N, C-alpha and C. Protein backbone atom coordinates (compact mmCIF):
# COMPACT_ATOMS: atom_id res chain seq x y z
N MET A 1 21.60 -1.99 10.47
CA MET A 1 20.25 -1.16 10.02
C MET A 1 19.54 -1.13 11.18
N MET A 2 19.60 -1.75 12.71
CA MET A 2 18.39 -1.69 13.51
C MET A 2 19.30 0.08 14.28
N THR A 3 20.78 0.39 14.03
CA THR A 3 20.65 1.62 14.66
C THR A 3 20.42 2.56 14.17
N LEU A 4 19.47 3.03 12.65
CA LEU A 4 19.13 3.99 12.40
C LEU A 4 17.50 3.27 12.41
N ILE A 5 17.45 2.72 12.61
CA ILE A 5 15.26 2.43 12.88
C ILE A 5 14.97 2.77 14.47
N ARG A 6 15.43 2.60 15.08
CA ARG A 6 15.22 3.27 16.62
C ARG A 6 15.30 4.31 16.73
N PRO A 7 16.14 5.08 16.27
CA PRO A 7 16.37 6.70 16.46
C PRO A 7 15.59 7.21 15.55
N LEU A 8 15.37 7.00 14.32
CA LEU A 8 14.35 7.35 13.39
C LEU A 8 12.67 7.56 13.74
N ALA A 9 12.59 6.41 14.33
CA ALA A 9 11.31 6.49 14.95
C ALA A 9 10.93 6.96 16.27
N LEU A 10 12.33 7.29 16.97
CA LEU A 10 11.99 8.03 18.20
C LEU A 10 12.10 9.51 17.87
N ALA A 11 12.73 9.72 16.74
CA ALA A 11 12.38 11.34 16.14
C ALA A 11 11.03 11.71 16.16
N ALA A 12 10.84 10.57 15.20
CA ALA A 12 9.23 10.68 14.50
C ALA A 12 8.22 11.23 15.66
N ALA A 13 8.40 10.21 16.37
CA ALA A 13 7.32 10.28 17.81
C ALA A 13 7.51 11.75 18.49
N LEU A 14 9.06 11.91 18.60
CA LEU A 14 8.72 13.26 19.56
C LEU A 14 8.75 14.93 18.95
N LEU A 15 9.05 14.50 17.36
CA LEU A 15 8.40 15.33 16.45
C LEU A 15 7.09 15.62 16.90
N CYS A 16 6.38 14.90 16.69
CA CYS A 16 4.46 14.53 16.92
C CYS A 16 4.35 15.19 18.29
N ALA A 17 4.97 14.81 19.22
CA ALA A 17 4.42 15.13 20.52
C ALA A 17 5.07 16.94 20.65
N ALA A 18 6.38 17.28 19.96
CA ALA A 18 6.37 18.97 20.23
C ALA A 18 5.28 19.62 19.23
N GLY A 19 5.08 19.01 18.16
CA GLY A 19 3.88 19.76 17.44
C GLY A 19 2.55 19.54 18.20
N ALA A 20 2.64 19.10 18.77
CA ALA A 20 1.28 18.80 19.58
C ALA A 20 0.87 18.97 21.09
N ALA A 21 1.81 20.22 21.54
CA ALA A 21 2.00 20.75 22.72
C ALA A 21 1.16 20.85 24.08
N SER A 22 0.25 20.95 23.68
CA SER A 22 -1.54 21.54 23.61
C SER A 22 -2.35 20.47 24.06
N ALA A 23 -2.16 19.16 23.33
CA ALA A 23 -2.81 18.28 23.29
C ALA A 23 -1.94 17.46 23.69
N GLY A 24 -2.43 16.18 23.83
CA GLY A 24 -2.05 14.40 23.86
C GLY A 24 -0.69 14.40 23.17
N THR A 25 0.08 13.62 23.90
CA THR A 25 1.18 13.52 23.08
C THR A 25 1.52 12.22 23.16
N ALA A 26 2.67 11.21 22.39
CA ALA A 26 3.04 9.76 22.11
C ALA A 26 4.28 9.80 22.56
N SER A 27 4.84 8.78 22.83
CA SER A 27 5.95 7.72 22.74
C SER A 27 5.93 6.90 22.29
N VAL A 28 6.41 6.65 20.62
CA VAL A 28 6.57 5.00 20.01
C VAL A 28 7.72 4.52 20.20
N SER A 29 7.52 2.71 20.52
CA SER A 29 8.79 2.10 20.31
C SER A 29 8.49 1.01 19.32
N PHE A 30 9.66 0.17 19.16
CA PHE A 30 9.20 -0.94 18.27
C PHE A 30 10.26 -1.85 18.77
N ALA A 31 9.29 -2.94 19.07
CA ALA A 31 9.90 -4.17 19.28
C ALA A 31 10.37 -5.60 18.45
N ASN A 32 11.63 -5.44 18.63
CA ASN A 32 12.33 -5.83 17.25
C ASN A 32 12.10 -6.11 15.96
N PRO A 33 12.36 -4.65 14.91
CA PRO A 33 11.31 -4.51 14.28
C PRO A 33 12.07 -5.42 13.00
N ASP A 34 13.14 -5.56 13.49
CA ASP A 34 13.45 -6.88 12.38
C ASP A 34 13.50 -8.08 12.53
N GLN A 35 12.16 -8.56 13.13
CA GLN A 35 11.66 -9.67 13.14
C GLN A 35 10.27 -9.36 12.75
N PHE A 36 9.85 -7.97 12.62
CA PHE A 36 8.62 -7.82 12.07
C PHE A 36 8.01 -8.84 10.86
N ALA A 37 6.70 -9.59 10.60
CA ALA A 37 6.32 -9.97 9.70
C ALA A 37 6.75 -9.73 7.89
N ASP A 38 6.18 -7.99 8.07
CA ASP A 38 6.52 -7.73 6.78
C ASP A 38 6.61 -6.43 6.60
N LEU A 39 8.05 -5.77 6.63
CA LEU A 39 7.95 -4.51 6.25
C LEU A 39 8.67 -4.70 5.05
N PRO A 40 9.11 -3.77 4.30
CA PRO A 40 10.47 -3.86 2.99
C PRO A 40 11.79 -4.03 3.25
N ARG A 41 12.23 -4.66 3.09
CA ARG A 41 13.48 -5.00 2.63
C ARG A 41 14.75 -4.03 3.10
N ASP A 42 14.89 -3.07 1.63
CA ASP A 42 15.08 -1.93 1.86
C ASP A 42 15.56 -1.32 2.90
N ALA A 43 16.87 -0.81 3.64
CA ALA A 43 16.95 -0.39 5.04
C ALA A 43 16.14 1.18 4.92
N TYR A 44 16.47 1.96 3.99
CA TYR A 44 15.97 3.18 3.61
C TYR A 44 14.33 3.06 3.84
N GLN A 45 13.93 2.43 3.38
CA GLN A 45 12.38 2.07 2.97
C GLN A 45 11.57 1.40 4.12
N ARG A 46 12.36 0.64 4.85
CA ARG A 46 11.96 -0.10 5.91
C ARG A 46 12.37 1.53 7.23
N GLU A 47 12.91 1.91 7.22
CA GLU A 47 12.67 2.90 8.06
C GLU A 47 12.13 4.23 7.68
N GLN A 48 11.66 4.58 6.99
CA GLN A 48 10.45 5.07 6.81
C GLN A 48 9.50 4.90 7.08
N VAL A 49 8.90 3.08 6.47
CA VAL A 49 7.81 2.92 7.07
C VAL A 49 7.52 2.81 8.77
N LEU A 50 8.77 2.72 9.06
CA LEU A 50 8.56 3.24 10.68
C LEU A 50 8.57 4.04 11.22
N ALA A 51 9.05 5.24 10.78
CA ALA A 51 8.97 6.69 11.24
C ALA A 51 7.29 6.99 10.66
N ASP A 52 6.73 6.70 9.54
CA ASP A 52 5.71 7.20 9.06
C ASP A 52 4.45 6.33 10.29
N LEU A 53 4.84 5.64 10.54
CA LEU A 53 4.08 4.54 11.95
C LEU A 53 4.07 5.36 12.88
N GLY A 54 5.51 5.63 13.71
CA GLY A 54 5.28 6.42 14.43
C GLY A 54 4.62 7.34 14.86
N GLU A 55 5.02 8.60 13.60
CA GLU A 55 4.23 9.49 13.31
C GLU A 55 2.89 9.70 13.23
N HIS A 56 2.01 8.72 12.68
CA HIS A 56 0.72 8.41 12.83
C HIS A 56 0.41 8.12 14.14
N PHE A 57 0.85 7.68 15.00
CA PHE A 57 0.81 7.46 15.84
C PHE A 57 0.82 8.76 17.03
N GLY A 58 1.88 9.50 17.04
CA GLY A 58 1.98 11.29 17.02
C GLY A 58 0.65 12.23 16.91
N VAL A 59 0.11 11.67 15.61
CA VAL A 59 -1.00 12.60 15.25
C VAL A 59 -2.78 11.96 15.89
N LEU A 60 -2.31 10.93 16.41
CA LEU A 60 -3.88 10.11 16.80
C LEU A 60 -3.55 10.45 18.18
N ALA A 61 -2.04 10.46 18.66
CA ALA A 61 -1.99 11.33 20.36
C ALA A 61 -2.53 12.26 20.25
N ALA A 62 -2.31 13.49 19.67
CA ALA A 62 -2.66 14.87 19.19
C ALA A 62 -4.33 15.30 19.38
N ARG A 63 -4.94 14.10 19.16
CA ARG A 63 -5.90 14.29 19.33
C ARG A 63 -6.69 14.20 20.73
N LEU A 64 -5.67 13.38 21.84
CA LEU A 64 -6.30 13.15 23.27
C LEU A 64 -6.31 14.24 23.81
N PRO A 65 -7.05 14.66 25.15
CA PRO A 65 -7.45 15.74 25.94
C PRO A 65 -5.81 16.45 26.22
N ALA A 66 -5.12 17.67 26.42
CA ALA A 66 -4.26 17.73 26.75
C ALA A 66 -4.30 17.20 28.59
N GLY A 67 -2.72 17.02 28.34
CA GLY A 67 -1.79 16.01 29.40
C GLY A 67 -1.85 15.20 29.23
N GLN A 68 -2.76 14.22 28.74
CA GLN A 68 -2.51 13.08 28.34
C GLN A 68 -1.57 12.56 27.63
N GLU A 69 -0.99 11.02 27.68
CA GLU A 69 0.23 10.72 27.03
C GLU A 69 -0.10 9.30 26.67
N MET A 70 0.44 9.39 25.25
CA MET A 70 0.20 7.34 24.88
C MET A 70 1.24 6.84 24.69
N LYS A 71 1.69 5.98 25.38
CA LYS A 71 2.94 5.40 24.88
C LYS A 71 2.28 4.04 24.47
N VAL A 72 3.03 3.87 23.15
CA VAL A 72 3.35 2.33 22.06
C VAL A 72 4.37 1.86 21.99
N GLU A 73 3.91 0.15 22.31
CA GLU A 73 5.24 -0.21 22.26
C GLU A 73 4.78 -1.30 20.58
N VAL A 74 5.20 -1.39 19.56
CA VAL A 74 4.58 -2.10 18.19
C VAL A 74 5.48 -3.35 18.65
N LEU A 75 4.46 -4.35 18.17
CA LEU A 75 5.39 -5.64 18.33
C LEU A 75 5.28 -6.32 17.31
N ASP A 76 4.59 -5.94 16.35
CA ASP A 76 4.51 -6.50 14.86
C ASP A 76 3.92 -5.61 13.71
N VAL A 77 4.47 -6.03 12.63
CA VAL A 77 3.62 -5.12 11.25
C VAL A 77 3.64 -6.08 10.37
N ASP A 78 2.19 -6.31 9.53
CA ASP A 78 2.33 -7.21 8.40
C ASP A 78 1.15 -6.53 7.62
N MET A 79 2.43 -5.54 6.53
CA MET A 79 1.72 -4.39 5.85
C MET A 79 0.49 -4.66 4.49
N ALA A 80 -0.22 -4.00 4.55
CA ALA A 80 -1.32 -4.57 3.19
C ALA A 80 -0.36 -4.81 1.99
N GLY A 81 -1.25 -6.22 1.22
CA GLY A 81 -0.35 -6.38 0.13
C GLY A 81 0.41 -7.79 0.57
N ARG A 82 1.27 -7.98 -1.11
CA ARG A 82 2.39 -8.73 -1.01
C ARG A 82 3.52 -7.83 -1.44
N SER A 83 4.83 -8.07 -0.94
CA SER A 83 6.08 -7.48 -1.72
C SER A 83 6.51 -7.94 -2.87
N TRP A 84 7.32 -7.49 -3.86
CA TRP A 84 7.82 -7.71 -4.41
C TRP A 84 8.99 -7.24 -5.13
N PRO A 85 10.36 -7.96 -5.36
CA PRO A 85 11.72 -7.00 -4.99
C PRO A 85 11.42 -6.28 -5.80
N GLY A 86 11.44 -4.91 -5.86
CA GLY A 86 12.18 -4.53 -7.39
C GLY A 86 13.74 -4.79 -7.76
N GLY A 87 13.70 -4.44 -8.85
CA GLY A 87 15.24 -4.57 -9.61
C GLY A 87 15.83 -3.41 -10.05
N TRP A 88 17.29 -2.90 -10.17
CA TRP A 88 18.30 -2.48 -10.50
C TRP A 88 17.97 -0.52 -9.99
N GLY A 89 17.90 -0.83 -8.23
CA GLY A 89 18.10 0.34 -7.48
C GLY A 89 16.44 0.72 -7.59
N MET A 90 15.35 0.14 -7.90
CA MET A 90 13.74 0.12 -8.08
C MET A 90 13.11 0.01 -6.61
N ARG A 91 12.20 0.75 -5.98
CA ARG A 91 11.34 -0.31 -4.71
C ARG A 91 10.87 -0.90 -4.84
N GLU A 92 10.42 -1.58 -3.77
CA GLU A 92 9.92 -3.13 -4.07
C GLU A 92 8.41 -2.21 -4.26
N LEU A 93 8.05 -3.65 -5.33
CA LEU A 93 6.20 -3.33 -5.46
C LEU A 93 5.47 -4.02 -4.81
N ARG A 94 4.58 -3.71 -3.98
CA ARG A 94 3.75 -3.91 -3.58
C ARG A 94 1.97 -4.30 -4.29
N VAL A 95 2.10 -5.34 -3.87
CA VAL A 95 0.69 -5.69 -4.87
C VAL A 95 -0.15 -6.52 -4.08
N LEU A 96 -1.67 -5.79 -4.35
CA LEU A 96 -2.63 -5.59 -3.23
C LEU A 96 -3.53 -6.54 -3.96
N ASP A 97 -4.45 -7.66 -3.65
CA ASP A 97 -5.25 -8.36 -4.49
C ASP A 97 -6.58 -8.70 -3.55
N GLY A 98 -6.72 -8.04 -2.38
CA GLY A 98 -7.70 -8.63 -1.46
C GLY A 98 -7.65 -9.84 -0.74
N GLY A 99 -7.13 -10.71 -1.14
CA GLY A 99 -7.13 -12.14 -0.44
C GLY A 99 -6.54 -12.16 0.83
N ALA A 100 -5.77 -13.22 1.30
CA ALA A 100 -5.24 -12.96 2.32
C ALA A 100 -3.87 -12.35 2.75
N ASP A 101 -3.98 -11.03 2.33
CA ASP A 101 -2.69 -10.15 2.32
C ASP A 101 -3.39 -8.60 2.84
N TRP A 102 -4.39 -9.19 4.00
CA TRP A 102 -5.13 -7.55 4.75
C TRP A 102 -3.56 -7.28 5.57
N PRO A 103 -3.82 -6.12 6.49
CA PRO A 103 -2.82 -5.79 7.17
C PRO A 103 -3.02 -6.12 8.51
N HIS A 104 -1.89 -5.93 9.55
CA HIS A 104 -2.45 -6.87 10.67
C HIS A 104 -1.01 -5.65 11.65
N ILE A 105 -1.40 -5.06 12.66
CA ILE A 105 -0.50 -4.28 13.39
C ILE A 105 -1.08 -5.06 15.00
N LYS A 106 0.37 -5.34 15.39
CA LYS A 106 -0.27 -5.82 17.18
C LYS A 106 0.82 -4.66 18.10
N PHE A 107 0.50 -4.58 18.77
CA PHE A 107 0.91 -3.28 19.63
C PHE A 107 0.30 -3.43 20.96
N ARG A 108 1.06 -2.65 22.29
CA ARG A 108 0.86 -2.42 23.66
C ARG A 108 0.70 -1.06 23.59
N TYR A 109 -0.43 -0.34 24.32
CA TYR A 109 -0.33 0.82 24.40
C TYR A 109 -0.83 0.81 26.26
N THR A 110 -0.49 2.07 26.46
CA THR A 110 -1.00 2.87 27.49
C THR A 110 -1.41 4.46 27.40
N ILE A 111 -2.67 4.65 27.99
CA ILE A 111 -3.25 6.51 28.34
C ILE A 111 -3.06 6.81 29.60
N SER A 112 -2.22 7.57 29.69
CA SER A 112 -1.91 7.89 31.17
C SER A 112 -2.32 9.65 31.25
N HIS A 113 -3.03 9.96 32.40
CA HIS A 113 -3.38 11.96 32.43
C HIS A 113 -2.63 11.59 34.01
N ASP A 114 -1.49 12.92 34.05
CA ASP A 114 -0.72 13.18 35.09
C ASP A 114 -0.46 11.61 36.13
N GLY A 115 0.39 10.53 35.04
CA GLY A 115 0.73 9.88 35.94
C GLY A 115 0.06 8.44 35.87
N LYS A 116 -1.03 8.47 35.94
CA LYS A 116 -1.84 7.47 36.19
C LYS A 116 -2.73 6.92 34.77
N VAL A 117 -2.67 5.71 34.18
CA VAL A 117 -2.83 4.88 33.60
C VAL A 117 -4.30 5.09 33.45
N VAL A 118 -4.81 5.49 32.63
CA VAL A 118 -6.55 5.53 32.59
C VAL A 118 -7.41 4.62 30.82
N LYS A 119 -6.08 4.09 30.32
CA LYS A 119 -6.34 3.19 29.36
C LYS A 119 -5.30 2.41 29.23
N GLY A 120 -5.87 1.38 28.53
CA GLY A 120 -4.05 0.21 28.21
C GLY A 120 -4.90 -1.00 27.65
N GLY A 121 -3.82 -1.67 27.48
CA GLY A 121 -4.10 -2.74 26.96
C GLY A 121 -3.18 -3.14 25.66
N ASP A 122 -3.64 -4.39 24.83
CA ASP A 122 -2.39 -5.46 23.77
C ASP A 122 -3.93 -5.03 22.81
N GLU A 123 -3.24 -4.75 21.16
CA GLU A 123 -4.11 -4.69 20.26
C GLU A 123 -3.99 -5.97 19.47
N MET A 124 -4.49 -6.28 18.34
CA MET A 124 -4.13 -7.09 17.49
C MET A 124 -4.94 -6.42 16.25
N LEU A 125 -4.98 -5.63 15.49
CA LEU A 125 -5.86 -4.96 14.56
C LEU A 125 -5.58 -5.89 13.28
N HIS A 126 -6.53 -5.72 12.59
CA HIS A 126 -6.33 -6.14 11.38
C HIS A 126 -7.84 -5.85 10.43
N SER A 127 -7.79 -5.84 9.18
CA SER A 127 -8.49 -5.24 8.25
C SER A 127 -8.72 -6.07 6.95
N MET A 128 -9.31 -6.64 7.01
CA MET A 128 -9.75 -7.97 5.99
C MET A 128 -10.50 -7.53 4.95
N ASP A 129 -11.42 -6.16 5.05
CA ASP A 129 -11.70 -5.26 3.95
C ASP A 129 -11.30 -4.21 3.52
N TYR A 130 -9.75 -4.12 3.36
CA TYR A 130 -9.24 -3.31 3.60
C TYR A 130 -9.46 -2.37 1.87
N LEU A 131 -9.53 -3.51 1.00
CA LEU A 131 -9.26 -2.99 -0.20
C LEU A 131 -11.04 -2.34 -0.38
N SER A 132 -11.97 -2.68 0.08
CA SER A 132 -13.39 -2.46 -0.33
C SER A 132 -14.19 -0.70 0.24
N ARG A 133 -13.18 -0.79 1.08
CA ARG A 133 -13.89 0.39 2.22
C ARG A 133 -12.86 1.55 1.64
N LEU A 134 -14.15 2.85 1.93
CA LEU A 134 -13.05 4.16 1.31
C LEU A 134 -12.18 4.34 2.48
N ASN A 135 -10.99 5.40 1.44
CA ASN A 135 -10.15 5.51 2.51
C ASN A 135 -9.65 6.76 2.28
N ARG A 136 -9.72 7.85 3.05
CA ARG A 136 -9.13 9.48 2.85
C ARG A 136 -7.96 9.40 2.84
N TYR A 137 -6.73 8.69 2.78
CA TYR A 137 -5.31 8.70 2.50
C TYR A 137 -5.05 8.80 0.69
N SER A 138 -4.48 9.48 0.64
CA SER A 138 -3.56 9.32 -1.14
C SER A 138 -2.80 7.99 -1.51
N SER A 139 -3.72 7.60 -2.31
CA SER A 139 -2.77 6.32 -3.25
C SER A 139 -1.53 6.13 -3.18
N GLY A 140 -1.21 7.15 -2.86
CA GLY A 140 0.41 7.26 -3.04
C GLY A 140 1.22 6.78 -1.56
N ASP A 141 0.07 6.75 -0.25
CA ASP A 141 1.00 7.01 0.74
C ASP A 141 1.11 5.48 0.92
N THR A 142 2.05 4.96 1.31
CA THR A 142 2.71 3.66 1.48
C THR A 142 1.88 3.06 2.92
N LEU A 143 1.31 3.85 4.00
CA LEU A 143 1.07 3.29 4.95
C LEU A 143 -0.75 3.87 5.15
N ARG A 144 -1.10 3.74 3.91
CA ARG A 144 -2.70 4.34 3.88
C ARG A 144 -3.73 3.46 3.99
N TYR A 145 -3.46 1.70 3.97
CA TYR A 145 -4.64 0.97 4.75
C TYR A 145 -4.29 0.56 6.51
N GLU A 146 -3.02 1.09 6.87
CA GLU A 146 -2.67 1.02 8.28
C GLU A 146 -2.77 1.63 9.26
N LYS A 147 -2.85 2.97 8.43
CA LYS A 147 -3.19 4.61 8.80
C LYS A 147 -4.73 4.26 8.97
N GLN A 148 -5.75 3.63 8.00
CA GLN A 148 -7.12 4.16 8.27
C GLN A 148 -7.83 2.42 9.27
N MET A 149 -6.58 1.58 9.28
CA MET A 149 -7.14 0.63 10.68
C MET A 149 -6.83 1.40 12.48
N LEU A 150 -5.56 2.18 11.85
CA LEU A 150 -5.58 2.77 13.30
C LEU A 150 -6.50 3.80 13.85
N ASP A 151 -6.89 4.74 12.75
CA ASP A 151 -7.80 5.23 12.89
C ASP A 151 -8.93 5.41 13.28
N THR A 152 -9.51 3.92 12.64
CA THR A 152 -10.81 3.57 13.13
C THR A 152 -10.77 2.74 14.87
N TRP A 153 -9.32 1.96 15.13
CA TRP A 153 -9.88 1.72 16.32
C TRP A 153 -9.32 3.31 17.22
N PHE A 154 -8.73 4.15 17.22
CA PHE A 154 -8.33 5.20 17.57
C PHE A 154 -10.04 5.74 18.52
N LYS A 155 -11.08 5.41 17.30
CA LYS A 155 -12.34 6.50 17.12
C LYS A 155 -12.91 5.73 18.36
N THR A 156 -12.48 4.55 18.19
CA THR A 156 -13.25 3.31 19.19
C THR A 156 -13.08 3.76 20.35
N LEU A 157 -11.90 3.50 20.50
CA LEU A 157 -11.17 3.93 21.94
C LEU A 157 -12.01 4.98 22.48
N THR A 158 -11.50 6.34 21.48
CA THR A 158 -11.90 7.60 22.20
C THR A 158 -13.35 7.66 22.56
N ALA A 159 -14.00 6.76 21.61
CA ALA A 159 -15.58 7.16 22.07
C ALA A 159 -15.97 6.62 22.96
N VAL A 160 -15.13 5.90 24.13
CA VAL A 160 -15.83 4.85 24.77
C VAL A 160 -15.43 5.63 26.65
N ARG A 161 -15.64 6.89 26.98
CA ARG A 161 -15.11 7.71 28.03
C ARG A 161 -16.20 7.64 28.67
């Protein structure tokens, strides 16, 4: 499974970077994704979640000024809700109850311009009120709560200049 996860995540990050050539770019890596707190058990679903997460960091980096690069190393992911195994080839079912099942993402990042780091740090994001907030992402988006949490972080990060 590990042999597929990293190339897919790298491909997603590179696609995002290529699509945003005039804006900021991103490179995303995942440290030990097999040991993340909560990802789907199914290899295909797992790879898709990591690829989507890498792609979203690319979308955020595209909002950076031209010439800036964001490097992200994702250290842990705990998706919103709890997973219930699917049966007979069905996808896992993710149950959201608003209890202690809020999303968490732990990562390390740097933003550089012309090779010089202008911002960086370690982040541990969580959204305890994820079910009570308005969300612009589709209810069919597997990472809708995680993306919203990352959007909030990025907006705060780029607001302070």
